[in-house]
Amino acid sequence: MTKRSTRLPLAKREREIMDVLYRLGRATAGEVLEALGNERTYSTVRAQLRVLEQKGHVSHDLDGTRYVYTPAVPRQTARVSALRHLMETFFDGSPEGVVAALLGETKAVSPQSLDRIAKLVAQARKEGR
């Protein structure tokens, strides 16, 4: 049995903040606000960072009087968790359903991507997954 994440799912604006934190590695609320293109207010970003911390997605350190936020888990771990949530929510837990939906979007998948996907499938079979 796989270990499930206890972190709560992210809303769209929370995902945007997480994208910034993963890209920058660590950032203050002001730096996040700047990276978002000032689409929100400073107080909104701070509130969303607090919520992200309560949900277990970020942590903070003090740098003088400033809070510096960092992702609580590596990006790859977050990707796997998000994909698992997506698969369970929209595809009844079916990896085949996810792949079929992706491949159904023919414009989204280039011939080069299909070749890489085929290699990943072959490698997974070789490794017995």
N, C-alpha and C. Protein backbone atom coordinates (compact mmCIF):
# COMPACT_ATOMS: atom_id res chain seq x y z
N MET A 1 0.85 -1.18 0.00
CA MET A 1 0.00 0.00 0.00
C MET A 1 0.89 1.24 0.00
N THR A 2 0.53 2.24 -0.81
CA THR A 2 1.34 3.45 -0.90
C THR A 2 0.93 4.43 0.17
N LYS A 3 1.86 5.22 0.61
CA LYS A 3 1.59 6.24 1.61
C LYS A 3 0.89 7.42 0.95
N ARG A 4 -0.23 7.82 1.48
CA ARG A 4 -1.00 8.95 0.95
C ARG A 4 -0.54 10.25 1.58
N SER A 5 -0.57 11.30 0.80
CA SER A 5 -0.23 12.61 1.32
C SER A 5 -1.37 13.12 2.20
N THR A 6 -1.01 13.78 3.29
CA THR A 6 -2.02 14.37 4.15
C THR A 6 -2.25 15.83 3.80
N ARG A 7 -1.56 16.33 2.79
CA ARG A 7 -1.73 17.71 2.40
C ARG A 7 -3.05 17.89 1.65
N LEU A 8 -3.70 19.00 1.92
CA LEU A 8 -4.96 19.29 1.25
C LEU A 8 -4.69 19.77 -0.17
N PRO A 9 -5.63 19.53 -1.10
CA PRO A 9 -5.43 19.96 -2.48
C PRO A 9 -5.33 21.48 -2.60
N LEU A 10 -4.77 21.91 -3.71
CA LEU A 10 -4.53 23.34 -3.94
C LEU A 10 -5.58 23.95 -4.85
N ALA A 11 -5.96 25.17 -4.53
CA ALA A 11 -6.80 25.97 -5.41
C ALA A 11 -5.90 26.56 -6.51
N LYS A 12 -6.51 27.08 -7.56
CA LYS A 12 -5.75 27.62 -8.70
C LYS A 12 -4.74 28.69 -8.26
N ARG A 13 -5.16 29.64 -7.47
CA ARG A 13 -4.24 30.71 -7.06
C ARG A 13 -3.14 30.19 -6.14
N GLU A 14 -3.45 29.17 -5.36
CA GLU A 14 -2.42 28.56 -4.52
C GLU A 14 -1.39 27.84 -5.39
N ARG A 15 -1.85 27.18 -6.45
CA ARG A 15 -0.92 26.51 -7.37
C ARG A 15 0.00 27.53 -8.03
N GLU A 16 -0.54 28.69 -8.36
CA GLU A 16 0.29 29.73 -8.98
C GLU A 16 1.39 30.18 -8.01
N ILE A 17 1.06 30.32 -6.75
CA ILE A 17 2.07 30.69 -5.75
C ILE A 17 3.10 29.58 -5.61
N MET A 18 2.64 28.33 -5.59
CA MET A 18 3.57 27.21 -5.48
C MET A 18 4.51 27.17 -6.69
N ASP A 19 4.00 27.47 -7.87
CA ASP A 19 4.85 27.52 -9.07
C ASP A 19 5.97 28.53 -8.88
N VAL A 20 5.62 29.68 -8.33
CA VAL A 20 6.63 30.72 -8.07
C VAL A 20 7.66 30.22 -7.06
N LEU A 21 7.20 29.62 -5.98
CA LEU A 21 8.13 29.13 -4.96
C LEU A 21 9.03 28.03 -5.51
N TYR A 22 8.49 27.13 -6.31
CA TYR A 22 9.34 26.08 -6.90
C TYR A 22 10.36 26.69 -7.86
N ARG A 23 9.94 27.70 -8.60
CA ARG A 23 10.86 28.34 -9.55
C ARG A 23 11.96 29.12 -8.83
N LEU A 24 11.60 29.85 -7.77
CA LEU A 24 12.57 30.68 -7.06
C LEU A 24 13.32 29.90 -5.97
N GLY A 25 12.72 28.84 -5.48
CA GLY A 25 13.34 28.07 -4.40
C GLY A 25 12.93 28.55 -3.03
N ARG A 26 12.95 29.84 -2.83
CA ARG A 26 12.52 30.49 -1.59
C ARG A 26 12.20 31.93 -1.91
N ALA A 27 11.23 32.49 -1.20
CA ALA A 27 10.83 33.87 -1.51
C ALA A 27 10.01 34.45 -0.38
N THR A 28 10.07 35.77 -0.27
CA THR A 28 9.20 36.51 0.64
C THR A 28 7.86 36.73 -0.04
N ALA A 29 6.88 37.19 0.70
CA ALA A 29 5.57 37.50 0.12
C ALA A 29 5.71 38.56 -0.96
N GLY A 30 6.56 39.54 -0.73
CA GLY A 30 6.79 40.60 -1.73
C GLY A 30 7.39 40.05 -3.00
N GLU A 31 8.32 39.13 -2.89
CA GLU A 31 8.93 38.52 -4.08
C GLU A 31 7.93 37.66 -4.84
N VAL A 32 7.07 36.97 -4.10
CA VAL A 32 6.01 36.19 -4.75
C VAL A 32 5.07 37.13 -5.49
N LEU A 33 4.66 38.20 -4.83
CA LEU A 33 3.77 39.18 -5.45
C LEU A 33 4.39 39.73 -6.74
N GLU A 34 5.65 40.07 -6.69
CA GLU A 34 6.34 40.60 -7.88
C GLU A 34 6.37 39.56 -9.00
N ALA A 35 6.66 38.31 -8.65
CA ALA A 35 6.73 37.25 -9.66
C ALA A 35 5.37 36.97 -10.29
N LEU A 36 4.30 37.21 -9.54
CA LEU A 36 2.95 37.02 -10.06
C LEU A 36 2.51 38.17 -10.95
N GLY A 37 3.33 39.19 -11.06
CA GLY A 37 2.99 40.33 -11.89
C GLY A 37 2.04 41.28 -11.20
N ASN A 38 2.10 41.31 -9.87
CA ASN A 38 1.26 42.21 -9.08
C ASN A 38 -0.23 42.07 -9.41
N GLU A 39 -0.66 40.83 -9.71
CA GLU A 39 -2.07 40.57 -10.00
C GLU A 39 -2.92 40.58 -8.74
N ARG A 40 -2.27 40.52 -7.57
CA ARG A 40 -2.98 40.48 -6.29
C ARG A 40 -2.39 41.53 -5.38
N THR A 41 -3.00 41.67 -4.23
CA THR A 41 -2.45 42.59 -3.25
C THR A 41 -1.47 41.85 -2.36
N TYR A 42 -0.61 42.61 -1.70
CA TYR A 42 0.37 42.04 -0.79
C TYR A 42 -0.33 41.26 0.32
N SER A 43 -1.40 41.82 0.88
CA SER A 43 -2.09 41.14 1.98
C SER A 43 -2.74 39.84 1.51
N THR A 44 -3.22 39.80 0.27
CA THR A 44 -3.80 38.57 -0.27
C THR A 44 -2.73 37.49 -0.40
N VAL A 45 -1.57 37.86 -0.91
CA VAL A 45 -0.48 36.89 -1.06
C VAL A 45 -0.05 36.36 0.30
N ARG A 46 0.07 37.25 1.27
CA ARG A 46 0.44 36.80 2.62
C ARG A 46 -0.59 35.85 3.19
N ALA A 47 -1.86 36.16 2.99
CA ALA A 47 -2.93 35.29 3.49
C ALA A 47 -2.88 33.92 2.80
N GLN A 48 -2.63 33.92 1.50
CA GLN A 48 -2.55 32.65 0.76
C GLN A 48 -1.33 31.84 1.18
N LEU A 49 -0.24 32.51 1.48
CA LEU A 49 0.95 31.80 1.97
C LEU A 49 0.67 31.18 3.34
N ARG A 50 -0.06 31.88 4.19
CA ARG A 50 -0.44 31.31 5.50
C ARG A 50 -1.30 30.06 5.31
N VAL A 51 -2.26 30.13 4.39
CA VAL A 51 -3.12 28.98 4.12
C VAL A 51 -2.28 27.82 3.57
N LEU A 52 -1.37 28.12 2.66
CA LEU A 52 -0.50 27.07 2.12
C LEU A 52 0.34 26.42 3.23
N GLU A 53 0.76 27.22 4.18
CA GLU A 53 1.52 26.68 5.30
C GLU A 53 0.63 25.80 6.18
N GLN A 54 -0.59 26.24 6.43
CA GLN A 54 -1.53 25.44 7.22
C GLN A 54 -1.85 24.12 6.53
N LYS A 55 -1.90 24.13 5.20
CA LYS A 55 -2.18 22.92 4.43
C LYS A 55 -0.95 22.01 4.33
N GLY A 56 0.21 22.51 4.76
CA GLY A 56 1.42 21.69 4.72
C GLY A 56 2.22 21.77 3.44
N HIS A 57 1.93 22.75 2.59
CA HIS A 57 2.62 22.87 1.31
C HIS A 57 3.88 23.73 1.38
N VAL A 58 3.93 24.67 2.31
CA VAL A 58 5.09 25.54 2.46
C VAL A 58 5.48 25.64 3.93
N SER A 59 6.71 26.05 4.13
CA SER A 59 7.17 26.37 5.48
C SER A 59 7.88 27.72 5.38
N HIS A 60 8.17 28.31 6.53
CA HIS A 60 8.86 29.60 6.48
C HIS A 60 9.99 29.63 7.50
N ASP A 61 10.94 30.49 7.22
CA ASP A 61 12.03 30.83 8.12
C ASP A 61 11.99 32.34 8.32
N LEU A 62 12.52 32.79 9.43
CA LEU A 62 12.62 34.23 9.66
C LEU A 62 13.98 34.73 9.17
N ASP A 63 13.93 35.82 8.42
CA ASP A 63 15.14 36.51 7.99
C ASP A 63 14.98 37.94 8.50
N GLY A 64 15.48 38.17 9.71
CA GLY A 64 15.21 39.45 10.37
C GLY A 64 13.75 39.47 10.76
N THR A 65 13.01 40.42 10.18
CA THR A 65 11.58 40.50 10.46
C THR A 65 10.74 39.93 9.32
N ARG A 66 11.40 39.45 8.28
CA ARG A 66 10.68 38.93 7.11
C ARG A 66 10.52 37.42 7.17
N TYR A 67 9.38 36.95 6.71
CA TYR A 67 9.16 35.52 6.54
C TYR A 67 9.64 35.15 5.14
N VAL A 68 10.46 34.11 5.06
CA VAL A 68 10.92 33.60 3.77
C VAL A 68 10.33 32.21 3.62
N TYR A 69 9.54 32.04 2.58
CA TYR A 69 8.80 30.80 2.36
C TYR A 69 9.53 29.87 1.41
N THR A 70 9.42 28.57 1.70
CA THR A 70 9.99 27.54 0.84
C THR A 70 8.96 26.41 0.70
N PRO A 71 9.00 25.69 -0.42
CA PRO A 71 8.11 24.53 -0.55
C PRO A 71 8.46 23.49 0.52
N ALA A 72 7.43 22.86 1.06
CA ALA A 72 7.64 21.87 2.12
C ALA A 72 8.05 20.51 1.57
N VAL A 73 7.77 20.26 0.30
CA VAL A 73 8.13 18.99 -0.32
C VAL A 73 8.80 19.26 -1.66
N PRO A 74 9.66 18.35 -2.11
CA PRO A 74 10.27 18.53 -3.43
C PRO A 74 9.21 18.58 -4.53
N ARG A 75 9.52 19.27 -5.59
CA ARG A 75 8.55 19.44 -6.68
C ARG A 75 8.11 18.09 -7.25
N GLN A 76 9.02 17.15 -7.40
CA GLN A 76 8.67 15.84 -7.96
C GLN A 76 7.66 15.13 -7.07
N THR A 77 7.82 15.23 -5.77
CA THR A 77 6.87 14.62 -4.84
C THR A 77 5.50 15.27 -4.99
N ALA A 78 5.48 16.58 -5.12
CA ALA A 78 4.22 17.30 -5.30
C ALA A 78 3.56 16.92 -6.63
N ARG A 79 4.36 16.74 -7.67
CA ARG A 79 3.82 16.34 -8.97
C ARG A 79 3.13 14.99 -8.88
N VAL A 80 3.79 14.03 -8.24
CA VAL A 80 3.22 12.69 -8.12
C VAL A 80 1.91 12.75 -7.32
N SER A 81 1.92 13.50 -6.25
CA SER A 81 0.72 13.63 -5.42
C SER A 81 -0.42 14.28 -6.21
N ALA A 82 -0.12 15.33 -6.95
CA ALA A 82 -1.14 16.03 -7.75
C ALA A 82 -1.67 15.11 -8.85
N LEU A 83 -0.79 14.37 -9.48
CA LEU A 83 -1.22 13.46 -10.54
C LEU A 83 -2.10 12.35 -9.97
N ARG A 84 -1.72 11.82 -8.81
CA ARG A 84 -2.54 10.79 -8.16
C ARG A 84 -3.93 11.35 -7.85
N HIS A 85 -3.97 12.57 -7.32
CA HIS A 85 -5.25 13.20 -7.00
C HIS A 85 -6.09 13.39 -8.27
N LEU A 86 -5.49 13.87 -9.33
CA LEU A 86 -6.17 14.06 -10.61
C LEU A 86 -6.70 12.73 -11.13
N MET A 87 -5.87 11.70 -11.09
CA MET A 87 -6.25 10.39 -11.60
C MET A 87 -7.43 9.82 -10.80
N GLU A 88 -7.38 9.95 -9.48
CA GLU A 88 -8.46 9.43 -8.64
C GLU A 88 -9.75 10.25 -8.81
N THR A 89 -9.60 11.57 -8.96
CA THR A 89 -10.77 12.44 -9.03
C THR A 89 -11.49 12.36 -10.38
N PHE A 90 -10.74 12.36 -11.46
CA PHE A 90 -11.35 12.47 -12.78
C PHE A 90 -11.31 11.19 -13.61
N PHE A 91 -10.50 10.21 -13.22
CA PHE A 91 -10.33 9.01 -14.04
C PHE A 91 -10.54 7.72 -13.27
N ASP A 92 -11.26 7.81 -12.14
CA ASP A 92 -11.57 6.63 -11.32
C ASP A 92 -10.33 5.81 -10.99
N GLY A 93 -9.19 6.47 -10.81
CA GLY A 93 -7.96 5.80 -10.44
C GLY A 93 -7.27 5.08 -11.59
N SER A 94 -7.69 5.32 -12.80
CA SER A 94 -7.18 4.59 -13.97
C SER A 94 -6.04 5.33 -14.68
N PRO A 95 -4.81 4.78 -14.62
CA PRO A 95 -3.72 5.38 -15.40
C PRO A 95 -4.02 5.35 -16.90
N GLU A 96 -4.69 4.28 -17.35
CA GLU A 96 -5.04 4.18 -18.77
C GLU A 96 -5.95 5.33 -19.19
N GLY A 97 -6.87 5.71 -18.30
CA GLY A 97 -7.77 6.81 -18.59
C GLY A 97 -7.03 8.13 -18.76
N VAL A 98 -6.02 8.34 -17.91
CA VAL A 98 -5.21 9.56 -18.01
C VAL A 98 -4.47 9.60 -19.34
N VAL A 99 -3.83 8.49 -19.68
CA VAL A 99 -3.06 8.43 -20.93
C VAL A 99 -3.98 8.56 -22.14
N ALA A 100 -5.13 7.89 -22.08
CA ALA A 100 -6.08 7.98 -23.20
C ALA A 100 -6.56 9.41 -23.39
N ALA A 101 -6.82 10.11 -22.28
CA ALA A 101 -7.25 11.50 -22.39
C ALA A 101 -6.14 12.36 -22.98
N LEU A 102 -4.93 12.14 -22.54
CA LEU A 102 -3.80 12.90 -23.07
C LEU A 102 -3.60 12.62 -24.56
N LEU A 103 -3.64 11.36 -24.93
CA LEU A 103 -3.43 11.01 -26.33
C LEU A 103 -4.60 11.42 -27.20
N GLY A 104 -5.77 11.59 -26.60
CA GLY A 104 -6.93 12.06 -27.35
C GLY A 104 -6.78 13.51 -27.78
N GLU A 105 -5.90 14.22 -27.10
CA GLU A 105 -5.60 15.61 -27.46
C GLU A 105 -4.42 15.60 -28.44
N THR A 106 -4.67 15.21 -29.68
CA THR A 106 -3.59 14.98 -30.63
C THR A 106 -2.69 16.19 -30.85
N LYS A 107 -3.24 17.38 -30.77
CA LYS A 107 -2.41 18.57 -30.96
C LYS A 107 -1.46 18.77 -29.78
N ALA A 108 -1.82 18.23 -28.62
CA ALA A 108 -1.00 18.42 -27.42
C ALA A 108 0.19 17.46 -27.38
N VAL A 109 0.15 16.40 -28.20
CA VAL A 109 1.20 15.39 -28.14
C VAL A 109 1.90 15.30 -29.49
N SER A 110 3.16 15.73 -29.51
CA SER A 110 3.94 15.69 -30.75
C SER A 110 4.45 14.28 -31.01
N PRO A 111 4.86 13.99 -32.24
CA PRO A 111 5.46 12.68 -32.52
C PRO A 111 6.70 12.41 -31.64
N GLN A 112 7.46 13.45 -31.34
CA GLN A 112 8.62 13.28 -30.46
C GLN A 112 8.19 12.90 -29.05
N SER A 113 7.12 13.52 -28.57
CA SER A 113 6.59 13.17 -27.25
C SER A 113 6.09 11.74 -27.23
N LEU A 114 5.42 11.32 -28.29
CA LEU A 114 4.95 9.93 -28.37
C LEU A 114 6.12 8.95 -28.31
N ASP A 115 7.22 9.28 -28.99
CA ASP A 115 8.42 8.43 -28.94
C ASP A 115 8.97 8.35 -27.53
N ARG A 116 9.02 9.49 -26.83
CA ARG A 116 9.53 9.49 -25.45
C ARG A 116 8.60 8.70 -24.53
N ILE A 117 7.29 8.84 -24.75
CA ILE A 117 6.32 8.09 -23.94
C ILE A 117 6.51 6.59 -24.17
N ALA A 118 6.67 6.20 -25.42
CA ALA A 118 6.87 4.78 -25.74
C ALA A 118 8.12 4.24 -25.06
N LYS A 119 9.18 5.04 -25.02
CA LYS A 119 10.41 4.61 -24.34
C LYS A 119 10.19 4.48 -22.84
N LEU A 120 9.42 5.40 -22.25
CA LEU A 120 9.12 5.31 -20.82
C LEU A 120 8.31 4.06 -20.50
N VAL A 121 7.35 3.73 -21.37
CA VAL A 121 6.55 2.52 -21.17
C VAL A 121 7.44 1.29 -21.29
N ALA A 122 8.30 1.26 -22.29
CA ALA A 122 9.21 0.12 -22.45
C ALA A 122 10.13 -0.02 -21.24
N GLN A 123 10.64 1.09 -20.74
CA GLN A 123 11.52 1.05 -19.56
C GLN A 123 10.76 0.55 -18.33
N ALA A 124 9.52 1.00 -18.16
CA ALA A 124 8.72 0.55 -17.02
C ALA A 124 8.45 -0.96 -17.10
N ARG A 125 8.18 -1.45 -18.30
CA ARG A 125 7.99 -2.90 -18.48
C ARG A 125 9.26 -3.66 -18.15
N LYS A 126 10.38 -3.14 -18.60
CA LYS A 126 11.68 -3.78 -18.35
C LYS A 126 11.97 -3.86 -16.86
N GLU A 127 11.59 -2.81 -16.13
CA GLU A 127 11.83 -2.75 -14.68
C GLU A 127 10.74 -3.46 -13.89
N GLY A 128 9.73 -4.00 -14.59
CA GLY A 128 8.68 -4.75 -13.93
C GLY A 128 7.64 -3.91 -13.23
N ARG A 129 7.47 -2.67 -13.62
CA ARG A 129 6.44 -1.81 -12.99
C ARG A 129 5.12 -1.95 -13.69
